[in-house]
PDB file of N, CA and C in Angstrom:
ATOM      1  N   MET A   1      13.844 -27.055  -6.212  1.00  0.00           N
ATOM      2  CA  MET A   1      13.600 -27.978  -7.499  1.00  0.00           C
ATOM      3  C   MET A   1      12.391 -27.227  -8.481  1.00  0.00           C
ATOM      4  N   THR A   2      13.078 -26.887  -9.719  1.00  0.00           N
ATOM      5  CA  THR A   2      11.629 -26.521 -10.550  1.00  0.00           C
ATOM      6  C   THR A   2      11.100 -27.316 -11.440  1.00  0.00           C
ATOM      7  N   PRO A   3       9.869 -27.005 -11.549  1.00  0.00           N
ATOM      8  CA  PRO A   3       8.891 -27.988 -12.164  1.00  0.00           C
ATOM      9  C   PRO A   3       9.428 -28.361 -13.736  1.00  0.00           C
ATOM     10  N   ALA A   4       9.208 -29.665 -13.768  1.00  0.00           N
ATOM     11  CA  ALA A   4       9.189 -29.904 -15.355  1.00  0.00           C
ATOM     12  C   ALA A   4       8.715 -29.328 -16.489  1.00  0.00           C
ATOM     13  N   VAL A   5       9.257 -28.878 -17.490  1.00  0.00           N
ATOM     14  CA  VAL A   5       8.764 -28.085 -18.338  1.00  0.00           C
ATOM     15  C   VAL A   5       8.755 -29.022 -19.714  1.00  0.00           C
ATOM     16  N   ARG A   6       7.565 -29.342 -20.295  1.00  0.00           N
ATOM     17  CA  ARG A   6       7.356 -30.056 -21.486  1.00  0.00           C
ATOM     18  C   ARG A   6       8.568 -29.255 -22.549  1.00  0.00           C
ATOM     19  N   PRO A   7       9.065 -29.888 -23.534  1.00  0.00           N
ATOM     20  CA  PRO A   7       9.334 -29.604 -24.566  1.00  0.00           C
ATOM     21  C   PRO A   7       8.422 -28.467 -25.527  1.00  0.00           C
ATOM     22  N   GLY A   8       9.048 -27.318 -26.167  1.00  0.00           N
ATOM     23  CA  GLY A   8       7.990 -26.728 -26.775  1.00  0.00           C
ATOM     24  C   GLY A   8       7.276 -25.790 -26.225  1.00  0.00           C
ATOM     25  N   THR A   9       6.958 -25.704 -24.695  1.00  0.00           N
ATOM     26  CA  THR A   9       6.126 -24.830 -24.274  1.00  0.00           C
ATOM     27  C   THR A   9       7.006 -23.593 -24.022  1.00  0.00           C
ATOM     28  N   GLN A  10       7.944 -23.658 -23.629  1.00  0.00           N
ATOM     29  CA  GLN A  10       8.916 -22.284 -23.073  1.00  0.00           C
ATOM     30  C   GLN A  10       9.053 -21.616 -24.766  1.00  0.00           C
ATOM     31  N   LEU A  11       9.327 -22.389 -25.547  1.00  0.00           N
ATOM     32  CA  LEU A  11       9.642 -21.619 -26.968  1.00  0.00           C
ATOM     33  C   LEU A  11       8.360 -21.068 -27.775  1.00  0.00           C
ATOM     34  N   ALA A  12       6.973 -21.390 -27.300  1.00  0.00           N
ATOM     35  CA  ALA A  12       6.046 -21.016 -27.770  1.00  0.00           C
ATOM     36  C   ALA A  12       5.341 -19.690 -27.158  1.00  0.00           C
ATOM     37  N   ARG A  13       6.126 -19.180 -25.906  1.00  0.00           N
ATOM     38  CA  ARG A  13       6.366 -18.115 -24.900  1.00  0.00           C
ATOM     39  C   ARG A  13       7.458 -16.949 -25.715  1.00  0.00           C
ATOM     40  N   LEU A  14       8.146 -17.423 -26.557  1.00  0.00           N
ATOM     41  CA  LEU A  14       9.273 -16.185 -26.948  1.00  0.00           C
ATOM     42  C   LEU A  14       8.617 -15.292 -27.713  1.00  0.00           C
ATOM     43  N   PRO A  15       9.130 -14.083 -27.607  1.00  0.00           N
ATOM     44  CA  PRO A  15       8.169 -13.105 -28.772  1.00  0.00           C
ATOM     45  C   PRO A  15       8.563 -13.456 -29.899  1.00  0.00           C
ATOM     46  N   GLY A  16       9.877 -14.016 -30.197  1.00  0.00           N
ATOM     47  CA  GLY A  16      10.189 -14.129 -31.727  1.00  0.00           C
ATOM     48  C   GLY A  16      10.122 -15.289 -32.383  1.00  0.00           C
ATOM     49  N   ALA A  17       9.274 -16.184 -31.748  1.00  0.00           N
ATOM     50  CA  ALA A  17       9.177 -17.520 -31.704  1.00  0.00           C
ATOM     51  C   ALA A  17       8.456 -17.617 -33.452  1.00  0.00           C
ATOM     52  N   VAL A  18       8.444 -18.452 -34.118  1.00  0.00           N
ATOM     53  CA  VAL A  18       8.066 -18.896 -35.525  1.00  0.00           C
ATOM     54  C   VAL A  18       6.787 -19.539 -35.257  1.00  0.00           C
ATOM     55  N   ARG A  19       5.678 -18.720 -35.734  1.00  0.00           N
ATOM     56  CA  ARG A  19       4.119 -19.113 -35.866  1.00  0.00           C
ATOM     57  C   ARG A  19       3.787 -20.631 -36.393  1.00  0.00           C
ATOM     58  N   PRO A  20       3.198 -21.386 -35.884  1.00  0.00           N
ATOM     59  CA  PRO A  20       3.009 -22.935 -36.685  1.00  0.00           C
ATOM     60  C   PRO A  20       2.086 -22.460 -38.343  1.00  0.00           C
ATOM     61  N   LEU A  21       2.715 -23.107 -39.109  1.00  0.00           N
ATOM     62  CA  LEU A  21       2.105 -22.910 -40.461  1.00  0.00           C
ATOM     63  C   LEU A  21       0.526 -23.325 -40.689  1.00  0.00           C
ATOM     64  N   SER A  22      -0.141 -23.679 -39.625  1.00  0.00           N
ATOM     65  CA  SER A  22      -1.363 -24.489 -39.985  1.00  0.00           C
ATOM     66  C   SER A  22      -2.181 -23.083 -39.565  1.00  0.00           C
ATOM     67  N   LEU A  23      -2.028 -21.882 -38.842  1.00  0.00           N
ATOM     68  CA  LEU A  23      -2.745 -20.526 -38.845  1.00  0.00           C
ATOM     69  C   LEU A  23      -2.164 -19.712 -39.847  1.00  0.00           C
ATOM     70  N   PRO A  24      -3.339 -19.590 -40.594  1.00  0.00           N
ATOM     71  CA  PRO A  24      -3.118 -18.240 -41.630  1.00  0.00           C
ATOM     72  C   PRO A  24      -3.060 -17.126 -41.154  1.00  0.00           C
ATOM     73  N   VAL A  25      -2.108 -16.170 -41.738  1.00  0.00           N
ATOM     74  CA  VAL A  25      -2.120 -14.492 -41.283  1.00  0.00           C
ATOM     75  C   VAL A  25      -3.251 -14.245 -41.546  1.00  0.00           C
ATOM     76  N   ARG A  26      -3.763 -13.561 -41.171  1.00  0.00           N
ATOM     77  CA  ARG A  26      -4.852 -12.847 -41.237  1.00  0.00           C
ATOM     78  C   ARG A  26      -4.681 -11.126 -41.720  1.00  0.00           C
ATOM     79  N   ARG A  27      -4.677 -11.023 -42.892  1.00  0.00           N
ATOM     80  CA  ARG A  27      -4.438  -9.501 -43.060  1.00  0.00           C
ATOM     81  C   ARG A  27      -5.886  -8.716 -43.233  1.00  0.00           C
ATOM     82  N   SER A  28      -6.069  -7.618 -42.686  1.00  0.00           N
ATOM     83  CA  SER A  28      -7.357  -6.468 -43.096  1.00  0.00           C
ATOM     84  C   SER A  28      -7.562  -6.461 -44.303  1.00  0.00           C
ATOM     85  N   LEU A  29      -8.806  -6.573 -44.757  1.00  0.00           N
ATOM     86  CA  LEU A  29      -9.578  -6.084 -46.012  1.00  0.00           C
ATOM     87  C   LEU A  29      -8.423  -4.724 -46.578  1.00  0.00           C
ATOM     88  N   TRP A  30      -8.546  -3.786 -45.928  1.00  0.00           N
ATOM     89  CA  TRP A  30      -7.721  -2.341 -46.474  1.00  0.00           C
ATOM     90  C   TRP A  30      -6.639  -2.734 -46.630  1.00  0.00           C
ATOM     91  N   ARG A  31      -5.862  -3.613 -45.790  1.00  0.00           N
ATOM     92  CA  ARG A  31      -4.451  -3.632 -46.229  1.00  0.00           C
ATOM     93  C   ARG A  31      -4.392  -4.677 -47.254  1.00  0.00           C
ATOM     94  N   ARG A  32      -5.354  -5.648 -47.697  1.00  0.00           N
ATOM     95  CA  ARG A  32      -5.057  -6.354 -49.039  1.00  0.00           C
ATOM     96  C   ARG A  32      -5.486  -5.535 -50.273  1.00  0.00           C
ATOM     97  N   ILE A  33      -6.291  -4.543 -49.952  1.00  0.00           N
ATOM     98  CA  ILE A  33      -6.838  -4.040 -51.186  1.00  0.00           C
ATOM     99  C   ILE A  33      -5.454  -3.168 -51.572  1.00  0.00           C
ATOM    100  N   LEU A  34      -5.086  -2.199 -50.506  1.00  0.00           N
ATOM    101  CA  LEU A  34      -3.574  -1.633 -50.784  1.00  0.00           C
ATOM    102  C   LEU A  34      -2.545  -2.037 -51.430  1.00  0.00           C
ATOM    103  N   LEU A  35      -2.481  -3.474 -50.694  1.00  0.00           N
ATOM    104  CA  LEU A  35      -1.199  -4.389 -51.283  1.00  0.00           C
ATOM    105  C   LEU A  35      -1.597  -4.572 -52.678  1.00  0.00           C
ATOM    106  N   TYR A  36      -2.869  -4.752 -53.079  1.00  0.00           N
ATOM    107  CA  TYR A  36      -3.106  -5.198 -54.511  1.00  0.00           C
ATOM    108  C   TYR A  36      -3.059  -3.806 -55.482  1.00  0.00           C
ATOM    109  N   ILE A  37      -3.339  -2.639 -55.070  1.00  0.00           N
ATOM    110  CA  ILE A  37      -3.086  -1.327 -55.888  1.00  0.00           C
ATOM    111  C   ILE A  37      -2.060  -1.388 -55.756  1.00  0.00           C
ATOM    112  N   VAL A  38      -0.796  -1.630 -55.218  1.00  0.00           N
ATOM    113  CA  VAL A  38       0.139  -1.098 -55.192  1.00  0.00           C
ATOM    114  C   VAL A  38       1.338  -1.809 -56.167  1.00  0.00           C
ATOM    115  N   VAL A  39       0.918  -2.925 -56.213  1.00  0.00           N
ATOM    116  CA  VAL A  39       1.574  -4.235 -56.917  1.00  0.00           C
ATOM    117  C   VAL A  39       1.028  -3.970 -58.461  1.00  0.00           C
ATOM    118  N   THR A  40      -0.178  -3.696 -58.572  1.00  0.00           N
ATOM    119  CA  THR A  40      -0.830  -3.474 -59.954  1.00  0.00           C
ATOM    120  C   THR A  40      -0.011  -2.243 -60.691  1.00  0.00           C
ATOM    121  N   GLN A  41       0.169  -1.104 -59.706  1.00  0.00           N
ATOM    122  CA  GLN A  41       0.739  -0.312 -60.178  1.00  0.00           C
ATOM    123  C   GLN A  41       2.146  -0.057 -60.592  1.00  0.00           C
ATOM    124  N   LEU A  42       3.043  -1.054 -59.647  1.00  0.00           N
ATOM    125  CA  LEU A  42       4.234  -1.355 -59.883  1.00  0.00           C
ATOM    126  C   LEU A  42       4.222  -1.980 -61.242  1.00  0.00           C
ATOM    127  N   LEU A  43       3.286  -2.842 -61.839  1.00  0.00           N
ATOM    128  CA  LEU A  43       3.489  -3.761 -62.972  1.00  0.00           C
ATOM    129  C   LEU A  43       3.092  -2.838 -64.144  1.00  0.00           C
ATOM    130  N   LEU A  44       2.364  -1.985 -63.749  1.00  0.00           N
ATOM    131  CA  LEU A  44       1.892  -1.374 -65.019  1.00  0.00           C
ATOM    132  C   LEU A  44       3.200  -0.310 -65.443  1.00  0.00           C
ATOM    133  N   VAL A  45       3.638   0.395 -64.322  1.00  0.00           N
ATOM    134  CA  VAL A  45       4.864   1.189 -64.310  1.00  0.00           C
ATOM    135  C   VAL A  45       5.907   0.486 -65.156  1.00  0.00           C
ATOM    136  N   PHE A  46       6.323  -0.956 -64.842  1.00  0.00           N
ATOM    137  CA  PHE A  46       7.255  -2.025 -65.085  1.00  0.00           C
ATOM    138  C   PHE A  46       6.956  -1.949 -66.825  1.00  0.00           C
ATOM    139  N   LEU A  47       5.657  -2.356 -67.228  1.00  0.00           N
ATOM    140  CA  LEU A  47       5.235  -2.688 -68.569  1.00  0.00           C
ATOM    141  C   LEU A  47       5.448  -1.449 -69.553  1.00  0.00           C
ATOM    142  N   VAL A  48       5.321  -0.055 -69.005  1.00  0.00           N
ATOM    143  CA  VAL A  48       5.485   1.183 -69.603  1.00  0.00           C
ATOM    144  C   VAL A  48       6.907   1.341 -69.968  1.00  0.00           C
ATOM    145  N   LEU A  49       7.849   1.208 -68.721  1.00  0.00           N
ATOM    146  CA  LEU A  49       9.033   1.243 -69.079  1.00  0.00           C
ATOM    147  C   LEU A  49       9.674   0.408 -70.207  1.00  0.00           C
ATOM    148  N   VAL A  50       8.933  -1.127 -70.029  1.00  0.00           N
ATOM    149  CA  VAL A  50       9.405  -1.866 -70.949  1.00  0.00           C
ATOM    150  C   VAL A  50       9.460  -1.373 -72.328  1.00  0.00           C
ATOM    151  N   VAL A  51       8.032  -1.054 -72.695  1.00  0.00           N
ATOM    152  CA  VAL A  51       7.504  -0.762 -73.939  1.00  0.00           C
ATOM    153  C   VAL A  51       8.317   0.433 -74.405  1.00  0.00           C
ATOM    154  N   TYR A  52       8.485   1.545 -73.578  1.00  0.00           N
ATOM    155  CA  TYR A  52       9.305   2.745 -74.040  1.00  0.00           C
ATOM    156  C   TYR A  52      10.703   2.402 -74.133  1.00  0.00           C
ATOM    157  N   LEU A  53      11.181   1.949 -73.774  1.00  0.00           N
ATOM    158  CA  LEU A  53      12.848   1.581 -73.845  1.00  0.00           C
ATOM    159  C   LEU A  53      12.841   0.476 -74.879  1.00  0.00           C
ATOM    160  N   GLY A  54      12.062  -0.429 -75.312  1.00  0.00           N
ATOM    161  CA  GLY A  54      11.884  -1.111 -76.306  1.00  0.00           C
ATOM    162  C   GLY A  54      11.960  -0.170 -77.523  1.00  0.00           C
ATOM    163  N   ARG A  55      10.882   0.760 -77.534  1.00  0.00           N
ATOM    164  CA  ARG A  55      10.737   1.683 -78.777  1.00  0.00           C
ATOM    165  C   ARG A  55      11.791   2.068 -79.172  1.00  0.00           C
ATOM    166  N   HIS A  56      12.804   2.893 -78.188  1.00  0.00           N
ATOM    167  CA  HIS A  56      13.832   3.790 -78.331  1.00  0.00           C
ATOM    168  C   HIS A  56      14.899   3.031 -78.163  1.00  0.00           C
ATOM    169  N   ALA A  57      15.199   2.068 -78.211  1.00  0.00           N
ATOM    170  CA  ALA A  57      16.472   1.280 -77.827  1.00  0.00           C
ATOM    171  C   ALA A  57      17.211   1.704 -78.912  1.00  0.00           C
ATOM    172  N   GLY A  58      16.687   1.378 -80.334  1.00  0.00           N
ATOM    173  CA  GLY A  58      17.264   1.406 -81.266  1.00  0.00           C
ATOM    174  C   GLY A  58      18.157   3.033 -81.920  1.00  0.00           C
ATOM    175  N   THR A  59      17.593   4.210 -81.311  1.00  0.00           N
ATOM    176  CA  THR A  59      18.069   5.318 -81.260  1.00  0.00           C
ATOM    177  C   THR A  59      18.893   6.056 -80.556  1.00  0.00           C
TER     178      THR A  59
END
């Protein structure tokens, strides 16, 4: 006879189990800085494209 397992204890050991929302995901400082730089660069490129295409749309 197998011992009784409380509901949820087996699910917590699965590799793909969803983490509880109470635990924040901690990213390293370098990853946050790199993500900030990449997002900023993408926004700047998007704004430059919008301005460029807006000026040359009528020609």
